[in-house]
Amino acid sequence: MSKTAKLNDIPDGAPEATPQRQSAERFWPYIEPSSQPSPEELAELDPDLRAVMFGSTGHSFSITVVFGKLKDKNAYKTAVTLARQASEYREMGDGPTLRHRARYFPPEALALRDLFDIVGGDDACEVLIDDRPLPYARELWLPLVWFLIQR
C-alpha cells in the first residue's frame, strides 16, 4: 500500500463496512412524538416565534385577561361565565394553579370591561396586550379601550 492510500479503502477479503443491524428510527422508546403541536402548545408559543413559524395570523389588536380562582365564589362563577363568552378562552393548569385566559378584540370592549370589573381587583390578574405583558396595560391600555364602548 502506498503512503497516499485512502483511509476508507477496504482490503480484499475483509467484511463490508456497513453495519449488520440498522439503528432504530425513533429516539424516545416510550412515547410517540406527535407530528403536529397541540392547540395548548401553540397557544403557549411566544407571539414573535409564532409569527415566524406560521406567518402573521391577521388578528387585530387584542387584550387578554388572565386570572385565577377568586376568593368570592359568586364573583368567580360570574367571571368564568363571562370569560367563556370571549372570542378565545382557555383554561391552564388545575387545582390551585388553575388560570383562565380570555382574549377580547376591540368590538368586545363592553364584555372585556364587565370581566375586568370583577377580576381586576385581584393582584394575580394579568392583562396582556397582543399576548404580551406591557407596562401600564391596566392603567393606560384598558381605559383607552373603554372609549370604544358605545353608550
Protein backbone atom coordinates (compact mmCIF):
# COMPACT_ATOMS: atom_id res chain seq x y z
CA MET A 1 0.00 0.00 0.00
CA SER A 2 1.36 3.42 -0.84
CA LYS A 3 1.68 6.32 1.54
CA THR A 4 -1.08 8.13 -0.31
CA ALA A 5 -3.63 5.32 0.02
CA LYS A 6 -7.07 6.38 1.08
CA LEU A 7 -8.15 5.51 4.60
CA ASN A 8 -11.55 4.28 3.50
CA ASP A 9 -10.22 1.66 1.09
CA ILE A 10 -11.39 -1.82 2.10
CA PRO A 11 -8.77 -4.54 1.68
CA ASP A 12 -9.68 -7.63 -0.33
CA GLY A 13 -11.42 -10.35 1.67
CA ALA A 14 -12.48 -8.03 4.54
CA PRO A 15 -16.18 -7.82 5.50
CA GLU A 16 -18.03 -4.78 4.27
CA ALA A 17 -18.03 -1.70 6.46
CA THR A 18 -21.83 -1.44 6.58
CA PRO A 19 -23.32 -2.33 9.95
CA GLN A 20 -25.12 -5.62 10.30
CA ARG A 21 -28.04 -4.02 12.21
CA GLN A 22 -29.96 -0.87 11.49
CA SER A 23 -30.47 1.59 14.34
CA ALA A 24 -34.00 2.30 15.48
CA GLU A 25 -35.76 5.16 13.77
CA ARG A 26 -37.02 6.71 16.97
CA PHE A 27 -35.03 8.14 19.82
CA TRP A 28 -37.66 8.01 22.57
CA PRO A 29 -38.79 4.44 23.08
CA TYR A 30 -41.70 5.26 25.41
CA ILE A 31 -43.74 7.86 23.58
CA GLU A 32 -44.64 8.52 20.01
CA PRO A 33 -43.99 12.19 19.23
CA SER A 34 -46.91 13.91 17.57
CA SER A 35 -46.27 15.36 14.16
CA GLN A 36 -48.36 18.45 14.87
CA PRO A 37 -48.29 20.60 18.01
CA SER A 38 -51.41 20.60 20.13
CA PRO A 39 -53.58 23.74 20.44
CA GLU A 40 -52.28 24.19 24.00
CA GLU A 41 -48.68 24.14 22.78
CA LEU A 42 -49.48 26.63 20.04
CA ALA A 43 -51.21 28.97 22.47
CA GLU A 44 -48.17 28.96 24.76
CA LEU A 45 -45.76 29.97 21.99
CA ASP A 46 -44.18 33.39 22.16
CA PRO A 47 -46.09 35.65 19.73
CA ASP A 48 -42.93 36.54 17.81
CA LEU A 49 -41.96 32.88 17.41
CA ARG A 50 -45.50 32.02 16.31
CA ALA A 51 -45.35 34.77 13.66
CA VAL A 52 -42.03 33.45 12.33
CA MET A 53 -43.17 29.82 12.27
CA PHE A 54 -46.70 30.22 10.91
CA GLY A 55 -46.77 33.71 9.44
CA SER A 56 -48.99 36.55 10.52
CA THR A 57 -52.31 35.42 11.93
CA GLY A 58 -54.10 38.50 10.71
CA HIS A 59 -55.59 39.09 14.15
CA SER A 60 -56.31 42.65 15.02
CA PHE A 61 -55.37 44.24 18.33
CA SER A 62 -56.39 42.10 21.29
CA ILE A 63 -56.43 42.27 25.07
CA THR A 64 -56.17 39.10 27.13
CA VAL A 65 -57.22 38.85 30.76
CA VAL A 66 -55.62 36.02 32.75
CA PHE A 67 -56.96 35.28 36.22
CA GLY A 68 -57.04 32.53 38.80
CA LYS A 69 -59.52 31.47 41.43
CA LEU A 70 -61.13 34.39 43.28
CA LYS A 71 -61.95 34.48 46.99
CA ASP A 72 -65.60 35.38 46.34
CA LYS A 73 -67.20 32.22 44.89
CA ASN A 74 -70.16 34.04 43.29
CA ALA A 75 -67.88 36.58 41.63
CA TYR A 76 -65.64 33.73 40.44
CA LYS A 77 -68.57 31.89 38.84
CA THR A 78 -69.69 35.06 37.08
CA ALA A 79 -66.15 35.80 35.90
CA VAL A 80 -65.71 32.31 34.46
CA THR A 81 -69.06 32.57 32.68
CA LEU A 82 -68.06 35.90 31.15
CA ALA A 83 -64.61 34.63 30.21
CA ARG A 84 -66.08 31.61 28.41
CA GLN A 85 -68.03 34.00 26.17
CA ALA A 86 -64.82 35.67 24.94
CA SER A 87 -63.53 35.18 21.39
CA GLU A 88 -60.82 32.88 22.69
CA TYR A 89 -60.98 31.15 26.03
CA ARG A 90 -58.59 28.64 27.57
CA GLU A 91 -58.02 27.05 30.97
CA MET A 92 -54.46 26.29 32.03
CA GLY A 93 -53.35 24.18 34.97
CA ASP A 94 -55.54 22.57 37.59
CA GLY A 95 -56.26 22.85 41.28
CA PRO A 96 -54.53 25.81 42.92
CA THR A 97 -52.65 26.65 39.70
CA LEU A 98 -55.80 26.92 37.55
CA ARG A 99 -55.73 30.03 35.34
CA HIS A 100 -58.42 31.30 32.99
CA ARG A 101 -57.30 33.10 29.85
CA ALA A 102 -59.86 35.15 27.89
CA ARG A 103 -58.92 37.12 24.76
CA TYR A 104 -61.05 40.03 23.59
CA PHE A 105 -60.94 42.07 20.40
CA PRO A 106 -61.97 45.76 20.09
CA PRO A 107 -65.66 45.13 19.26
CA GLU A 108 -65.96 43.23 22.57
CA ALA A 109 -64.87 46.14 24.75
CA LEU A 110 -68.03 46.04 26.87
CA ALA A 111 -67.61 42.32 27.68
CA LEU A 112 -63.94 42.96 28.50
CA ARG A 113 -64.88 45.75 30.90
CA ASP A 114 -67.50 43.59 32.59
CA LEU A 115 -64.95 40.83 33.20
CA PHE A 116 -62.23 43.22 34.32
CA ASP A 117 -64.59 44.90 36.78
CA ILE A 118 -64.85 41.53 38.54
CA VAL A 119 -61.28 40.22 38.36
CA GLY A 120 -59.29 43.46 38.11
CA GLY A 121 -59.02 43.87 41.88
CA ASP A 122 -57.13 40.59 42.23
CA ASP A 123 -53.35 41.07 42.34
CA ALA A 124 -52.78 37.85 40.37
CA CYS A 125 -54.86 39.14 37.45
CA GLU A 126 -52.76 39.81 34.36
CA VAL A 127 -53.61 41.99 31.37
CA LEU A 128 -51.80 41.16 28.14
CA ILE A 129 -51.78 43.33 25.04
CA ASP A 130 -51.47 41.15 21.92
CA ASP A 131 -50.37 38.31 24.23
CA ARG A 132 -47.51 40.35 25.69
CA PRO A 133 -47.25 41.85 29.16
CA LEU A 134 -46.80 45.56 28.52
CA PRO A 135 -46.16 48.32 31.02
CA TYR A 136 -49.26 50.23 32.07
CA ALA A 137 -51.62 47.70 30.47
CA ARG A 138 -54.15 48.23 33.27
CA GLU A 139 -53.62 51.94 33.73
CA LEU A 140 -53.36 53.06 30.10
CA TRP A 141 -54.48 50.46 27.60
CA LEU A 142 -57.72 49.38 29.27
CA PRO A 143 -59.06 52.93 29.71
CA LEU A 144 -58.27 53.58 26.05
CA VAL A 145 -60.30 50.53 25.08
CA TRP A 146 -63.19 51.74 27.26
CA PHE A 147 -63.54 54.64 24.80
CA LEU A 148 -64.67 52.09 22.23
CA ILE A 149 -67.79 51.32 24.27
CA GLN A 150 -70.77 52.97 22.67
CA ARG A 151 -73.28 54.42 25.06
